[in-house]
Amino acid sequence: MSKVDGRKISHEVRETIRMEAIQKWLDGATVKSLAEEYGTDESCIYRWTGRYRKGGMEALKTRPIAH
């Protein structure tokens, strides 16, 4: 799978992807396999797992852009 520019995906879809990936991670998927499946870098998956550890699924929701 080629890498996808996340900026071109709606907020709702990005949230769904993050939550789905974290659920797979909780079920035993590796960071490497998730990065390959979702076409992103492992560092991105590690950011998601870090956010999850700090605030649960709520922390994976898209945050408003500060102006």
N, C-alpha and C. Protein backbone atom coordinates (compact mmCIF):
# COMPACT_ATOMS: atom_id res chain seq x y z
N MET A 1 0.85 -1.18 0.00
CA MET A 1 0.00 0.00 0.00
C MET A 1 0.89 1.24 0.00
N SER A 2 0.58 2.21 -0.83
CA SER A 2 1.35 3.43 -0.87
C SER A 2 0.94 4.34 0.29
N LYS A 3 1.82 5.26 0.60
CA LYS A 3 1.52 6.18 1.69
C LYS A 3 0.44 7.16 1.24
N VAL A 4 -0.44 7.49 2.17
CA VAL A 4 -1.56 8.39 1.89
C VAL A 4 -1.31 9.69 2.63
N ASP A 5 -1.58 10.81 1.98
CA ASP A 5 -1.45 12.10 2.63
C ASP A 5 -2.64 12.29 3.56
N GLY A 6 -2.40 12.17 4.86
CA GLY A 6 -3.47 12.25 5.85
C GLY A 6 -4.20 13.58 5.86
N ARG A 7 -3.56 14.61 5.33
CA ARG A 7 -4.21 15.92 5.29
C ARG A 7 -5.37 15.95 4.32
N LYS A 8 -5.41 14.98 3.41
CA LYS A 8 -6.46 14.94 2.40
C LYS A 8 -7.61 14.04 2.81
N ILE A 9 -7.55 13.49 4.02
CA ILE A 9 -8.60 12.60 4.53
C ILE A 9 -9.42 13.37 5.56
N SER A 10 -10.72 13.13 5.59
CA SER A 10 -11.58 13.85 6.54
C SER A 10 -11.21 13.49 7.98
N HIS A 11 -11.57 14.38 8.89
CA HIS A 11 -11.30 14.17 10.31
C HIS A 11 -11.91 12.86 10.79
N GLU A 12 -13.13 12.60 10.37
CA GLU A 12 -13.83 11.40 10.82
C GLU A 12 -13.11 10.14 10.37
N VAL A 13 -12.64 10.13 9.13
CA VAL A 13 -11.93 8.96 8.61
C VAL A 13 -10.60 8.78 9.35
N ARG A 14 -9.90 9.87 9.60
CA ARG A 14 -8.62 9.77 10.33
C ARG A 14 -8.84 9.21 11.74
N GLU A 15 -9.88 9.68 12.41
CA GLU A 15 -10.18 9.15 13.75
C GLU A 15 -10.47 7.66 13.69
N THR A 16 -11.25 7.27 12.72
CA THR A 16 -11.61 5.85 12.57
C THR A 16 -10.37 5.00 12.32
N ILE A 17 -9.48 5.48 11.47
CA ILE A 17 -8.24 4.75 11.19
C ILE A 17 -7.42 4.60 12.46
N ARG A 18 -7.24 5.68 13.20
CA ARG A 18 -6.45 5.62 14.44
C ARG A 18 -7.05 4.64 15.43
N MET A 19 -8.35 4.72 15.63
CA MET A 19 -9.01 3.85 16.60
C MET A 19 -8.96 2.39 16.17
N GLU A 20 -9.13 2.15 14.89
CA GLU A 20 -9.05 0.78 14.36
C GLU A 20 -7.64 0.22 14.52
N ALA A 21 -6.65 1.04 14.22
CA ALA A 21 -5.25 0.60 14.36
C ALA A 21 -4.92 0.29 15.81
N ILE A 22 -5.37 1.14 16.73
CA ILE A 22 -5.08 0.90 18.14
C ILE A 22 -5.78 -0.36 18.62
N GLN A 23 -6.98 -0.61 18.17
CA GLN A 23 -7.67 -1.84 18.56
C GLN A 23 -6.88 -3.06 18.07
N LYS A 24 -6.39 -2.99 16.86
CA LYS A 24 -5.57 -4.10 16.34
C LYS A 24 -4.29 -4.24 17.14
N TRP A 25 -3.69 -3.12 17.53
CA TRP A 25 -2.47 -3.13 18.37
C TRP A 25 -2.78 -3.78 19.72
N LEU A 26 -3.91 -3.42 20.31
CA LEU A 26 -4.31 -4.02 21.59
C LEU A 26 -4.55 -5.52 21.45
N ASP A 27 -4.98 -5.93 20.26
CA ASP A 27 -5.24 -7.34 19.99
C ASP A 27 -3.97 -8.10 19.61
N GLY A 28 -2.83 -7.41 19.57
CA GLY A 28 -1.56 -8.08 19.34
C GLY A 28 -0.81 -7.76 18.06
N ALA A 29 -1.35 -6.88 17.23
CA ALA A 29 -0.64 -6.51 16.00
C ALA A 29 0.62 -5.73 16.34
N THR A 30 1.63 -5.88 15.52
CA THR A 30 2.88 -5.14 15.75
C THR A 30 2.80 -3.75 15.13
N VAL A 31 3.63 -2.86 15.64
CA VAL A 31 3.70 -1.51 15.09
C VAL A 31 4.11 -1.59 13.62
N LYS A 32 5.07 -2.44 13.31
CA LYS A 32 5.53 -2.58 11.93
C LYS A 32 4.39 -3.03 11.01
N SER A 33 3.64 -4.03 11.43
CA SER A 33 2.54 -4.53 10.57
C SER A 33 1.46 -3.47 10.39
N LEU A 34 1.19 -2.69 11.43
CA LEU A 34 0.18 -1.63 11.33
C LEU A 34 0.66 -0.52 10.40
N ALA A 35 1.93 -0.17 10.49
CA ALA A 35 2.47 0.86 9.61
C ALA A 35 2.35 0.43 8.16
N GLU A 36 2.64 -0.83 7.90
CA GLU A 36 2.52 -1.35 6.53
C GLU A 36 1.06 -1.37 6.08
N GLU A 37 0.18 -1.84 6.95
CA GLU A 37 -1.24 -1.93 6.60
C GLU A 37 -1.86 -0.58 6.31
N TYR A 38 -1.50 0.42 7.10
CA TYR A 38 -2.12 1.74 6.96
C TYR A 38 -1.29 2.70 6.10
N GLY A 39 -0.17 2.22 5.57
CA GLY A 39 0.63 3.04 4.68
C GLY A 39 1.22 4.26 5.34
N THR A 40 1.72 4.08 6.55
CA THR A 40 2.30 5.20 7.29
C THR A 40 3.63 4.76 7.90
N ASP A 41 4.31 5.68 8.54
CA ASP A 41 5.57 5.36 9.20
C ASP A 41 5.30 4.77 10.57
N GLU A 42 6.25 3.97 11.03
CA GLU A 42 6.13 3.40 12.37
C GLU A 42 6.06 4.51 13.42
N SER A 43 6.73 5.63 13.18
CA SER A 43 6.71 6.74 14.15
C SER A 43 5.29 7.26 14.36
N CYS A 44 4.50 7.22 13.31
CA CYS A 44 3.10 7.66 13.41
C CYS A 44 2.32 6.71 14.31
N ILE A 45 2.52 5.42 14.13
CA ILE A 45 1.83 4.43 14.97
C ILE A 45 2.26 4.59 16.42
N TYR A 46 3.55 4.84 16.64
CA TYR A 46 4.03 5.07 18.02
C TYR A 46 3.38 6.31 18.63
N ARG A 47 3.17 7.36 17.83
CA ARG A 47 2.46 8.55 18.35
C ARG A 47 1.05 8.19 18.77
N TRP A 48 0.37 7.39 17.92
CA TRP A 48 -0.99 6.97 18.27
C TRP A 48 -1.02 6.15 19.54
N THR A 49 -0.08 5.20 19.68
CA THR A 49 -0.06 4.37 20.90
C THR A 49 0.24 5.23 22.13
N GLY A 50 1.11 6.22 21.96
CA GLY A 50 1.41 7.13 23.08
C GLY A 50 0.20 7.94 23.49
N ARG A 51 -0.52 8.45 22.50
CA ARG A 51 -1.74 9.20 22.80
C ARG A 51 -2.76 8.31 23.49
N TYR A 52 -2.88 7.07 23.01
CA TYR A 52 -3.82 6.13 23.62
C TYR A 52 -3.45 5.86 25.07
N ARG A 53 -2.17 5.62 25.32
CA ARG A 53 -1.72 5.33 26.70
C ARG A 53 -2.01 6.49 27.64
N LYS A 54 -1.90 7.70 27.15
CA LYS A 54 -2.12 8.87 28.00
C LYS A 54 -3.60 9.18 28.22
N GLY A 55 -4.43 8.95 27.18
CA GLY A 55 -5.81 9.40 27.31
C GLY A 55 -6.87 8.47 26.76
N GLY A 56 -6.49 7.23 26.43
CA GLY A 56 -7.47 6.28 25.92
C GLY A 56 -7.94 6.65 24.52
N MET A 57 -9.04 6.04 24.11
CA MET A 57 -9.57 6.27 22.76
C MET A 57 -9.95 7.73 22.54
N GLU A 58 -10.34 8.40 23.60
CA GLU A 58 -10.70 9.82 23.50
C GLU A 58 -9.53 10.66 22.98
N ALA A 59 -8.31 10.27 23.34
CA ALA A 59 -7.11 11.01 22.93
C ALA A 59 -6.81 10.84 21.44
N LEU A 60 -7.46 9.88 20.79
CA LEU A 60 -7.22 9.64 19.37
C LEU A 60 -8.10 10.48 18.47
N LYS A 61 -9.03 11.19 19.07
CA LYS A 61 -9.94 12.03 18.28
C LYS A 61 -9.16 13.21 17.70
N THR A 62 -9.63 13.69 16.57
CA THR A 62 -9.00 14.82 15.91
C THR A 62 -9.20 16.08 16.75
N ARG A 63 -8.12 16.79 16.94
CA ARG A 63 -8.18 18.02 17.72
C ARG A 63 -8.34 19.21 16.78
N PRO A 64 -9.01 20.24 17.25
CA PRO A 64 -9.16 21.43 16.40
C PRO A 64 -7.80 22.07 16.14
N ILE A 65 -7.66 22.66 14.98
CA ILE A 65 -6.42 23.35 14.61
C ILE A 65 -6.44 24.73 15.26
N ALA A 66 -5.36 25.03 16.00
CA ALA A 66 -5.27 26.33 16.66
C ALA A 66 -4.86 27.38 15.62
N HIS A 67 -5.48 28.52 15.68
CA HIS A 67 -5.17 29.61 14.74
C HIS A 67 -4.37 30.68 15.43
